[in-house]
C-alpha atoms as a PDB file:
ATOM      1  CA  MET A   1      19.593  15.419  12.677  1.00  0.00           C
ATOM      2  CA  SER A   2      21.426  17.446  15.327  1.00  0.00           C
ATOM      3  CA  SER A   3      21.069  20.542  13.107  1.00  0.00           C
ATOM      4  CA  ALA A   4      17.322  20.074  12.732  1.00  0.00           C
ATOM      5  CA  PRO A   5      14.998  22.001  15.075  1.00  0.00           C
ATOM      6  CA  PRO A   6      13.377  19.984  17.890  1.00  0.00           C
ATOM      7  CA  ILE A   7       9.939  19.986  16.248  1.00  0.00           C
ATOM      8  CA  VAL A   8      11.434  18.222  13.209  1.00  0.00           C
ATOM      9  CA  ARG A   9      13.252  15.647  15.346  1.00  0.00           C
ATOM     10  CA  ARG A  10       9.918  14.781  16.911  1.00  0.00           C
ATOM     11  CA  PHE A  11       8.489  13.667  13.552  1.00  0.00           C
ATOM     12  CA  VAL A  12      11.597  12.378  11.745  1.00  0.00           C
ATOM     13  CA  ALA A  13      13.349   9.444  13.425  1.00  0.00           C
ATOM     14  CA  GLY A  14      16.853  10.158  12.135  1.00  0.00           C
ATOM     15  CA  THR A  15      18.960  10.099   9.010  1.00  0.00           C
ATOM     16  CA  THR A  16      20.075   6.443   8.856  1.00  0.00           C
ATOM     17  CA  TRP A  17      18.647   2.981   9.432  1.00  0.00           C
ATOM     18  CA  GLN A  18      20.834   2.760  12.558  1.00  0.00           C
ATOM     19  CA  ASP A  19      18.830   5.672  13.989  1.00  0.00           C
ATOM     20  CA  VAL A  20      15.524   3.991  13.200  1.00  0.00           C
ATOM     21  CA  MET A  21      15.991   0.407  14.375  1.00  0.00           C
ATOM     22  CA  PRO A  22      15.859   1.145  18.132  1.00  0.00           C
ATOM     23  CA  HIS A  23      12.485   2.842  17.608  1.00  0.00           C
ATOM     24  CA  CYS A  24      11.205  -0.190  15.710  1.00  0.00           C
ATOM     25  CA  GLU A  25      12.371  -2.545  18.437  1.00  0.00           C
ATOM     26  CA  SER A  26      10.790  -0.444  21.170  1.00  0.00           C
ATOM     27  CA  LEU A  27       7.454  -0.304  19.374  1.00  0.00           C
ATOM     28  CA  ALA A  28       7.547  -4.024  18.570  1.00  0.00           C
ATOM     29  CA  ALA A  29       7.919  -4.741  22.281  1.00  0.00           C
ATOM     30  CA  GLN A  30       4.618  -2.858  22.765  1.00  0.00           C
ATOM     31  CA  GLY A  31       2.892  -4.857  20.041  1.00  0.00           C
ATOM     32  CA  ILE A  32       2.987  -1.931  17.617  1.00  0.00           C
ATOM     33  CA  ARG A  33       4.015  -2.479  14.006  1.00  0.00           C
ATOM     34  CA  THR A  34       6.012  -0.026  11.924  1.00  0.00           C
ATOM     35  CA  THR A  35       6.328   1.326   8.383  1.00  0.00           C
ATOM     36  CA  LEU A  36       9.744   2.603   7.287  1.00  0.00           C
ATOM     37  CA  ASN A  37       9.986   5.358   4.698  1.00  0.00           C
ATOM     38  CA  ILE A  38      13.206   6.864   3.359  1.00  0.00           C
ATOM     39  CA  LEU A  39      12.508  10.538   2.845  1.00  0.00           C
ATOM     40  CA  GLY A  40      12.607  12.068  -0.604  1.00  0.00           C
ATOM     41  CA  GLU A  41      10.506  12.694  -3.710  1.00  0.00           C
ATOM     42  CA  ASP A  42      10.610  14.271  -7.175  1.00  0.00           C
ATOM     43  CA  PHE A  43      14.039  12.876  -8.065  1.00  0.00           C
ATOM     44  CA  ARG A  44      14.828  13.678 -11.693  1.00  0.00           C
ATOM     45  CA  GLY A  45      18.045  11.788 -12.428  1.00  0.00           C
ATOM     46  CA  GLU A  46      18.579   8.089 -13.129  1.00  0.00           C
ATOM     47  CA  GLN A  47      21.715   7.881 -10.999  1.00  0.00           C
ATOM     48  CA  GLU A  48      19.946   9.342  -7.979  1.00  0.00           C
ATOM     49  CA  SER A  49      17.012   6.948  -8.408  1.00  0.00           C
ATOM     50  CA  ARG A  50      19.285   3.911  -8.657  1.00  0.00           C
ATOM     51  CA  ALA A  51      20.996   5.053  -5.466  1.00  0.00           C
ATOM     52  CA  VAL A  52      17.593   5.127  -3.738  1.00  0.00           C
ATOM     53  CA  GLN A  53      16.905   1.552  -4.820  1.00  0.00           C
ATOM     54  CA  ARG A  54      20.264   0.443  -3.386  1.00  0.00           C
ATOM     55  CA  GLU A  55      19.468   2.245  -0.128  1.00  0.00           C
ATOM     56  CA  TYR A  56      16.124   0.452   0.160  1.00  0.00           C
ATOM     57  CA  ILE A  57      17.713  -2.909  -0.635  1.00  0.00           C
ATOM     58  CA  GLU A  58      20.318  -2.290   2.057  1.00  0.00           C
ATOM     59  CA  LEU A  59      17.505  -1.491   4.483  1.00  0.00           C
ATOM     60  CA  LEU A  60      15.657  -4.684   3.515  1.00  0.00           C
ATOM     61  CA  ALA A  61      18.674  -6.747   4.552  1.00  0.00           C
ATOM     62  CA  ARG A  62      18.230  -5.473   8.099  1.00  0.00           C
ATOM     63  CA  MET A  63      14.454  -5.686   8.442  1.00  0.00           C
ATOM     64  CA  ASP A  64      12.189  -8.092  10.252  1.00  0.00           C
ATOM     65  CA  GLY A  65       9.255  -8.576   7.923  1.00  0.00           C
ATOM     66  CA  SER A  66       7.004  -9.826  10.725  1.00  0.00           C
ATOM     67  CA  ASN A  67       6.758  -6.379  12.280  1.00  0.00           C
ATOM     68  CA  SER A  68       7.974  -3.751   9.784  1.00  0.00           C
ATOM     69  CA  TYR A  69       7.282  -2.997   6.168  1.00  0.00           C
ATOM     70  CA  LEU A  70       8.409  -0.450   3.579  1.00  0.00           C
ATOM     71  CA  SER A  71       6.668   2.533   2.041  1.00  0.00           C
ATOM     72  CA  ILE A  72       8.141   3.968  -1.159  1.00  0.00           C
ATOM     73  CA  LYS A  73       7.448   6.942  -3.430  1.00  0.00           C
ATOM     74  CA  LEU A  74       7.665   6.322  -7.151  1.00  0.00           C
ATOM     75  CA  THR A  75       9.150   9.742  -7.877  1.00  0.00           C
ATOM     76  CA  MET A  76      12.155   8.592  -5.844  1.00  0.00           C
ATOM     77  CA  LEU A  77      12.493   5.716  -8.294  1.00  0.00           C
ATOM     78  CA  GLY A  78      12.625   7.962 -11.337  1.00  0.00           C
ATOM     79  CA  LEU A  79       8.973   8.553 -12.293  1.00  0.00           C
ATOM     80  CA  MET A  80       9.772  12.124 -13.310  1.00  0.00           C
ATOM     81  CA  HIS A  81      12.505  10.750 -15.567  1.00  0.00           C
ATOM     82  CA  SER A  82      11.015   7.576 -17.055  1.00  0.00           C
ATOM     83  CA  GLU A  83       8.166   5.227 -16.204  1.00  0.00           C
ATOM     84  CA  GLU A  84      10.213   2.391 -17.682  1.00  0.00           C
ATOM     85  CA  LEU A  85      13.062   3.139 -15.269  1.00  0.00           C
ATOM     86  CA  THR A  86      10.625   3.314 -12.359  1.00  0.00           C
ATOM     87  CA  CYS A  87       9.129  -0.085 -13.176  1.00  0.00           C
ATOM     88  CA  GLU A  88      12.595  -1.606 -13.553  1.00  0.00           C
ATOM     89  CA  LEU A  89      13.791  -0.292 -10.181  1.00  0.00           C
ATOM     90  CA  LEU A  90      10.521  -1.108  -8.448  1.00  0.00           C
ATOM     91  CA  ASP A  91      10.550  -4.658  -9.789  1.00  0.00           C
ATOM     92  CA  GLY A  92      14.093  -5.213  -8.566  1.00  0.00           C
ATOM     93  CA  LEU A  93      13.239  -3.866  -5.139  1.00  0.00           C
ATOM     94  CA  LEU A  94      10.089  -5.980  -4.885  1.00  0.00           C
ATOM     95  CA  GLN A  95      12.012  -9.128  -5.815  1.00  0.00           C
ATOM     96  CA  VAL A  96      14.344  -8.582  -2.863  1.00  0.00           C
ATOM     97  CA  ALA A  97      11.451  -7.717  -0.546  1.00  0.00           C
ATOM     98  CA  ALA A  98       9.667 -10.935  -1.531  1.00  0.00           C
ATOM     99  CA  THR A  99      12.711 -13.047  -0.647  1.00  0.00           C
ATOM    100  CA  ARG A 100      12.941 -11.261   2.704  1.00  0.00           C
ATOM    101  CA  GLY A 101       9.219 -11.591   3.429  1.00  0.00           C
ATOM    102  CA  VAL A 102       8.812  -7.805   3.744  1.00  0.00           C
ATOM    103  CA  PHE A 103       5.569  -6.161   2.649  1.00  0.00           C
ATOM    104  CA  VAL A 104       5.931  -3.061   0.459  1.00  0.00           C
ATOM    105  CA  ARG A 105       3.379  -0.297  -0.047  1.00  0.00           C
ATOM    106  CA  ILE A 106       3.523   2.299  -2.810  1.00  0.00           C
ATOM    107  CA  ASP A 107       2.945   5.733  -1.323  1.00  0.00           C
ATOM    108  CA  MET A 108       0.696   8.253  -3.032  1.00  0.00           C
ATOM    109  CA  GLU A 109       2.062  11.653  -3.987  1.00  0.00           C
ATOM    110  CA  GLY A 110       0.639  14.773  -5.592  1.00  0.00           C
ATOM    111  CA  SER A 111      -2.198  14.451  -8.113  1.00  0.00           C
ATOM    112  CA  ALA A 112       0.204  14.834 -11.063  1.00  0.00           C
ATOM    113  CA  TRP A 113       1.322  11.265 -10.341  1.00  0.00           C
ATOM    114  CA  THR A 114      -1.925   9.622  -9.238  1.00  0.00           C
ATOM    115  CA  GLU A 115      -2.870   7.978 -12.540  1.00  0.00           C
ATOM    116  CA  GLN A 116       0.607   6.605 -13.205  1.00  0.00           C
ATOM    117  CA  THR A 117       0.896   5.365  -9.634  1.00  0.00           C
ATOM    118  CA  VAL A 118      -2.430   3.526  -9.763  1.00  0.00           C
ATOM    119  CA  SER A 119      -1.619   2.044 -13.168  1.00  0.00           C
ATOM    120  CA  ILE A 120       1.858   0.873 -12.159  1.00  0.00           C
ATOM    121  CA  TYR A 121       0.438  -0.600  -8.970  1.00  0.00           C
ATOM    122  CA  ALA A 122      -2.262  -2.539 -10.815  1.00  0.00           C
ATOM    123  CA  ARG A 123       0.353  -4.057 -13.136  1.00  0.00           C
ATOM    124  CA  MET A 124       2.838  -4.895 -10.394  1.00  0.00           C
ATOM    125  CA  LYS A 125       0.147  -6.330  -8.115  1.00  0.00           C
ATOM    126  CA  LYS A 126      -0.339  -9.204 -10.569  1.00  0.00           C
ATOM    127  CA  LYS A 127       3.294 -10.233 -10.107  1.00  0.00           C
ATOM    128  CA  TYR A 128       3.583  -9.350  -6.402  1.00  0.00           C
ATOM    129  CA  PRO A 129       0.251 -10.203  -4.721  1.00  0.00           C
ATOM    130  CA  ALA A 130       1.272  -8.728  -1.363  1.00  0.00           C
ATOM    131  CA  LEU A 131       1.945  -5.258  -2.774  1.00  0.00           C
ATOM    132  CA  GLY A 132      -0.016  -2.361  -1.274  1.00  0.00           C
ATOM    133  CA  ILE A 133      -0.961   1.177  -2.260  1.00  0.00           C
ATOM    134  CA  VAL A 134      -2.055   4.421  -0.597  1.00  0.00           C
ATOM    135  CA  LEU A 135      -5.214   6.283  -1.654  1.00  0.00           C
ATOM    136  CA  GLN A 136      -6.209   9.791  -0.582  1.00  0.00           C
ATOM    137  CA  ALA A 137      -9.725  10.551   0.593  1.00  0.00           C
ATOM    138  CA  TYR A 138      -9.692  14.199  -0.407  1.00  0.00           C
ATOM    139  CA  LEU A 139      -9.297  13.396  -4.110  1.00  0.00           C
ATOM    140  CA  LYS A 140     -12.623  13.214  -5.932  1.00  0.00           C
ATOM    141  CA  ARG A 141     -11.359  10.376  -8.149  1.00  0.00           C
ATOM    142  CA  THR A 142     -10.597   7.976  -5.305  1.00  0.00           C
ATOM    143  CA  ARG A 143     -13.964   6.192  -5.278  1.00  0.00           C
ATOM    144  CA  ALA A 144     -13.451   5.291  -8.958  1.00  0.00           C
ATOM    145  CA  ASP A 145      -9.897   4.178  -8.194  1.00  0.00           C
ATOM    146  CA  LEU A 146     -11.231   1.848  -5.501  1.00  0.00           C
ATOM    147  CA  GLU A 147     -13.663   0.274  -7.950  1.00  0.00           C
ATOM    148  CA  ARG A 148     -10.836  -0.174 -10.433  1.00  0.00           C
ATOM    149  CA  LEU A 149      -8.463  -1.688  -7.876  1.00  0.00           C
ATOM    150  CA  GLN A 150     -10.996  -4.109  -6.429  1.00  0.00           C
ATOM    151  CA  ALA A 151     -10.351  -6.318  -9.470  1.00  0.00           C
ATOM    152  CA  VAL A 152      -6.715  -6.801  -8.435  1.00  0.00           C
ATOM    153  CA  GLU A 153      -7.593  -7.284  -4.733  1.00  0.00           C
ATOM    154  CA  ALA A 154      -5.668  -4.187  -3.735  1.00  0.00           C
ATOM    155  CA  ARG A 155      -4.322  -3.770  -0.226  1.00  0.00           C
ATOM    156  CA  VAL A 156      -5.151  -0.152   0.526  1.00  0.00           C
ATOM    157  CA  ARG A 157      -3.934   2.386   3.038  1.00  0.00           C
ATOM    158  CA  LEU A 158      -6.519   5.172   3.204  1.00  0.00           C
ATOM    159  CA  CYS A 159      -5.419   8.636   4.329  1.00  0.00           C
ATOM    160  CA  LYS A 160      -6.991  12.085   4.067  1.00  0.00           C
ATOM    161  CA  GLY A 161      -4.242  13.531   1.840  1.00  0.00           C
ATOM    162  CA  ALA A 162      -1.588  16.136   2.557  1.00  0.00           C
ATOM    163  CA  TYR A 163      -0.672  17.826  -0.730  1.00  0.00           C
ATOM    164  CA  LYS A 164      -2.131  21.128  -1.844  1.00  0.00           C
ATOM    165  CA  GLU A 165      -4.609  20.365  -4.635  1.00  0.00           C
ATOM    166  CA  ALA A 166      -7.044  22.413  -6.711  1.00  0.00           C
ATOM    167  CA  ALA A 167     -10.724  22.557  -5.774  1.00  0.00           C
ATOM    168  CA  ASP A 168     -11.839  20.903  -9.012  1.00  0.00           C
ATOM    169  CA  ILE A 169     -10.046  17.651  -8.139  1.00  0.00           C
ATOM    170  CA  ALA A 170     -10.003  17.661  -4.331  1.00  0.00           C
ATOM    171  CA  TRP A 171     -12.355  18.609  -1.535  1.00  0.00           C
ATOM    172  CA  GLN A 172     -11.035  21.564   0.418  1.00  0.00           C
ATOM    173  CA  ASP A 173     -13.119  21.617   3.594  1.00  0.00           C
ATOM    174  CA  MET A 174     -12.627  19.121   6.391  1.00  0.00           C
ATOM    175  CA  ARG A 175     -16.318  18.212   6.622  1.00  0.00           C
ATOM    176  CA  SER A 176     -16.351  17.001   3.004  1.00  0.00           C
ATOM    177  CA  ILE A 177     -13.029  15.185   3.390  1.00  0.00           C
ATOM    178  CA  ARG A 178     -14.252  13.401   6.500  1.00  0.00           C
ATOM    179  CA  GLN A 179     -17.489  12.446   4.777  1.00  0.00           C
ATOM    180  CA  ASN A 180     -15.682  10.952   1.806  1.00  0.00           C
ATOM    181  CA  TYR A 181     -13.204   9.166   4.062  1.00  0.00           C
ATOM    182  CA  ALA A 182     -16.108   7.608   5.968  1.00  0.00           C
ATOM    183  CA  GLU A 183     -17.824   6.474   2.751  1.00  0.00           C
ATOM    184  CA  LEU A 184     -14.589   5.025   1.357  1.00  0.00           C
ATOM    185  CA  ALA A 185     -13.962   3.248   4.661  1.00  0.00           C
ATOM    186  CA  GLU A 186     -17.327   1.519   4.341  1.00  0.00           C
ATOM    187  CA  ILE A 187     -16.431   0.310   0.838  1.00  0.00           C
ATOM    188  CA  LEU A 188     -13.041  -0.911   2.016  1.00  0.00           C
ATOM    189  CA  LEU A 189     -14.397  -2.836   4.988  1.00  0.00           C
ATOM    190  CA  ARG A 190     -17.102  -4.415   2.864  1.00  0.00           C
ATOM    191  CA  ASN A 191     -15.074  -5.339  -0.225  1.00  0.00           C
ATOM    192  CA  PHE A 192     -11.359  -5.349   0.647  1.00  0.00           C
ATOM    193  CA  SER A 193      -9.108  -7.057   3.167  1.00  0.00           C
ATOM    194  CA  ASP A 194      -5.940  -6.022   5.001  1.00  0.00           C
ATOM    195  CA  THR A 195      -6.960  -2.373   4.884  1.00  0.00           C
ATOM    196  CA  ALA A 196      -5.020   0.312   6.751  1.00  0.00           C
ATOM    197  CA  PHE A 197      -6.832   3.386   8.041  1.00  0.00           C
ATOM    198  CA  ALA A 198      -4.293   6.162   8.454  1.00  0.00           C
ATOM    199  CA  THR A 199      -5.764   8.916  10.599  1.00  0.00           C
ATOM    200  CA  HIS A 200      -5.294  10.849  13.833  1.00  0.00           C
ATOM    201  CA  ASP A 201      -8.890  12.052  13.667  1.00  0.00           C
ATOM    202  CA  ASP A 202     -10.873  10.754  16.643  1.00  0.00           C
ATOM    203  CA  LEU A 203     -14.162  11.078  14.742  1.00  0.00           C
ATOM    204  CA  LEU A 204     -12.879   8.838  11.945  1.00  0.00           C
ATOM    205  CA  ILE A 205     -11.247   6.350  14.308  1.00  0.00           C
ATOM    206  CA  THR A 206     -14.558   5.965  16.143  1.00  0.00           C
ATOM    207  CA  HIS A 207     -16.471   5.730  12.863  1.00  0.00           C
ATOM    208  CA  VAL A 208     -14.229   2.954  11.513  1.00  0.00           C
ATOM    209  CA  ARG A 209     -14.494   0.999  14.757  1.00  0.00           C
ATOM    210  CA  GLU A 210     -18.288   1.245  14.830  1.00  0.00           C
ATOM    211  CA  LEU A 211     -18.591   0.517  11.131  1.00  0.00           C
ATOM    212  CA  ALA A 212     -16.451  -2.605  11.436  1.00  0.00           C
ATOM    213  CA  GLN A 213     -18.558  -3.821  14.354  1.00  0.00           C
ATOM    214  CA  ARG A 214     -21.802  -3.278  12.415  1.00  0.00           C
ATOM    215  CA  GLN A 215     -20.409  -5.117   9.398  1.00  0.00           C
ATOM    216  CA  ARG A 216     -18.958  -7.828  11.660  1.00  0.00           C
ATOM    217  CA  VAL A 217     -15.460  -7.269  10.332  1.00  0.00           C
ATOM    218  CA  SER A 218     -12.946  -8.724  12.759  1.00  0.00           C
ATOM    219  CA  ALA A 219     -10.144  -6.492  14.007  1.00  0.00           C
ATOM    220  CA  ASP A 220      -7.489  -8.691  12.388  1.00  0.00           C
ATOM    221  CA  ARG A 221      -8.728  -7.654   8.919  1.00  0.00           C
ATOM    222  CA  TYR A 222      -7.640  -4.049   9.240  1.00  0.00           C
ATOM    223  CA  GLU A 223      -5.330  -1.777  11.189  1.00  0.00           C
ATOM    224  CA  PHE A 224      -4.994   1.848  12.227  1.00  0.00           C
ATOM    225  CA  GLN A 225      -1.910   3.824  11.292  1.00  0.00           C
ATOM    226  CA  MET A 226      -0.409   7.001  12.708  1.00  0.00           C
ATOM    227  CA  LEU A 227       2.639   9.133  12.060  1.00  0.00           C
ATOM    228  CA  TYR A 228       5.740   8.844  14.194  1.00  0.00           C
ATOM    229  CA  GLY A 229       5.566  11.572  16.833  1.00  0.00           C
ATOM    230  CA  MET A 230       1.786  11.994  16.721  1.00  0.00           C
ATOM    231  CA  ARG A 231      -0.754  10.877  19.349  1.00  0.00           C
ATOM    232  CA  ARG A 232       1.782   8.752  21.230  1.00  0.00           C
ATOM    233  CA  ARG A 233      -0.496   8.244  24.241  1.00  0.00           C
ATOM    234  CA  THR A 234      -3.240   6.964  21.948  1.00  0.00           C
ATOM    235  CA  TRP A 235      -1.087   4.099  20.646  1.00  0.00           C
ATOM    236  CA  PRO A 236      -1.214   1.875  23.748  1.00  0.00           C
ATOM    237  CA  ARG A 237      -4.917   2.602  24.232  1.00  0.00           C
ATOM    238  CA  LEU A 238      -5.758   1.316  20.762  1.00  0.00           C
ATOM    239  CA  ARG A 239      -3.658  -1.776  21.378  1.00  0.00           C
ATOM    240  CA  ALA A 240      -5.336  -2.352  24.743  1.00  0.00           C
ATOM    241  CA  ASP A 241      -8.713  -2.209  22.979  1.00  0.00           C
ATOM    242  CA  GLY A 242      -7.567  -5.011  20.694  1.00  0.00           C
ATOM    243  CA  TYR A 243      -6.806  -3.059  17.522  1.00  0.00           C
ATOM    244  CA  ASN A 244      -3.763  -3.461  15.312  1.00  0.00           C
ATOM    245  CA  LEU A 245      -1.674  -0.306  15.090  1.00  0.00           C
ATOM    246  CA  ARG A 246       1.195   0.655  12.823  1.00  0.00           C
ATOM    247  CA  VAL A 247       3.406   3.736  13.137  1.00  0.00           C
ATOM    248  CA  TYR A 248       4.765   5.358   9.977  1.00  0.00           C
ATOM    249  CA  ILE A 249       8.434   6.243  10.578  1.00  0.00           C
ATOM    250  CA  PRO A 250      10.124   8.575   8.076  1.00  0.00           C
ATOM    251  CA  PHE A 251      13.882   9.019   8.144  1.00  0.00           C
ATOM    252  CA  GLY A 252      16.718  10.226   5.950  1.00  0.00           C
ATOM    253  CA  LYS A 253      18.704  13.280   4.968  1.00  0.00           C
ATOM    254  CA  ASN A 254      15.848  14.825   2.977  1.00  0.00           C
ATOM    255  CA  TRP A 255      13.878  15.817   6.066  1.00  0.00           C
ATOM    256  CA  LEU A 256      13.500  19.489   5.125  1.00  0.00           C
ATOM    257  CA  PRO A 257      11.433  18.903   1.933  1.00  0.00           C
ATOM    258  CA  TYR A 258       9.274  16.383   3.828  1.00  0.00           C
ATOM    259  CA  PHE A 259       8.617  18.717   6.701  1.00  0.00           C
ATOM    260  CA  SER A 260       8.015  21.827   4.615  1.00  0.00           C
ATOM    261  CA  ARG A 261       6.056  20.178   1.777  1.00  0.00           C
ATOM    262  CA  ARG A 262       3.953  17.638   3.653  1.00  0.00           C
ATOM    263  CA  LEU A 263       3.369  19.399   6.967  1.00  0.00           C
ATOM    264  CA  LEU A 264       3.537  23.083   6.100  1.00  0.00           C
ATOM    265  CA  GLU A 265       2.489  23.351   2.440  1.00  0.00           C
ATOM    266  CA  ARG A 266      -1.215  23.449   3.268  1.00  0.00           C
ATOM    267  CA  LYS A 267      -2.456  25.635   6.091  1.00  0.00           C
ATOM    268  CA  GLU A 268      -4.746  22.736   7.081  1.00  0.00           C
ATOM    269  CA  ASN A 269      -1.693  20.548   7.669  1.00  0.00           C
ATOM    270  CA  PHE A 270      -0.063  23.228   9.801  1.00  0.00           C
ATOM    271  CA  PHE A 271      -3.103  23.632  12.048  1.00  0.00           C
ATOM    272  CA  PHE A 272      -3.491  19.834  12.140  1.00  0.00           C
ATOM    273  CA  LEU A 273       0.071  19.586  13.454  1.00  0.00           C
ATOM    274  CA  LEU A 274      -0.525  22.218  16.113  1.00  0.00           C
ATOM    275  CA  ARG A 275      -3.791  20.606  17.273  1.00  0.00           C
ATOM    276  CA  ASN A 276      -2.230  17.173  17.569  1.00  0.00           C
ATOM    277  CA  LEU A 277       1.189  18.145  18.901  1.00  0.00           C
ATOM    278  CA  PHE A 278       0.195  17.604  22.516  1.00  0.00           C
ATOM    279  CA  LYS A 279      -3.036  15.706  22.032  1.00  0.00           C
ATOM    280  CA  ALA A 280      -3.281  12.349  23.764  1.00  0.00           C
END
């Protein structure tokens, strides 16, 4: 990471698990949980995807499942190559995670992969009850996906969404995205458990807190999540108020695609980064 500019090093914890573990330990001492994500997506070759599985399994051997869990992207496990390969590699990874007591969540990617991701998750959830998934509030299909996934008692992480998507499938303005996020949050608190609300948006954080209080949902049934490097001074305040908090920590050699695609691809993401760079 020494060659990466300082702004990247703020949001990417390093290139190896050795770089990441001290951050996990420091956050655990503050009562803050962590999600580990090896950077990468859109892998096309079988050999590369099998190497990713081995890297995750090596990471699992070093993890404490009581405080940290894994987030994985299915295109890193060969989804662009073969759904059969992806399911094979995912199943093998989940078997190891289950023996280690480590929770795994399937990350959501661009809309080209949404249907396959939801379908694979629904199938795998029957075999691995603790498995989680990410849903994106800016996609117009997400409400229907929630209804579909309620049958398998999905464990959902709700985020706004970071990929550039067309107007016919995704809301483009922040007011509409916030509104849909708020409506989905109400459904999640009412009908789901172990929900994660991933947001740095103060309006949505306040809305979720007030909504949970009105619905008498105890704070141990959900958690807030934030990105590594964002809103650091907010973390201890949420913990002091009695809320569970988890920090999403990306690391790995593929930091440039992550930073350029996820943070700079949409102008909204770029301005979001600037607004929150020094925000408490």
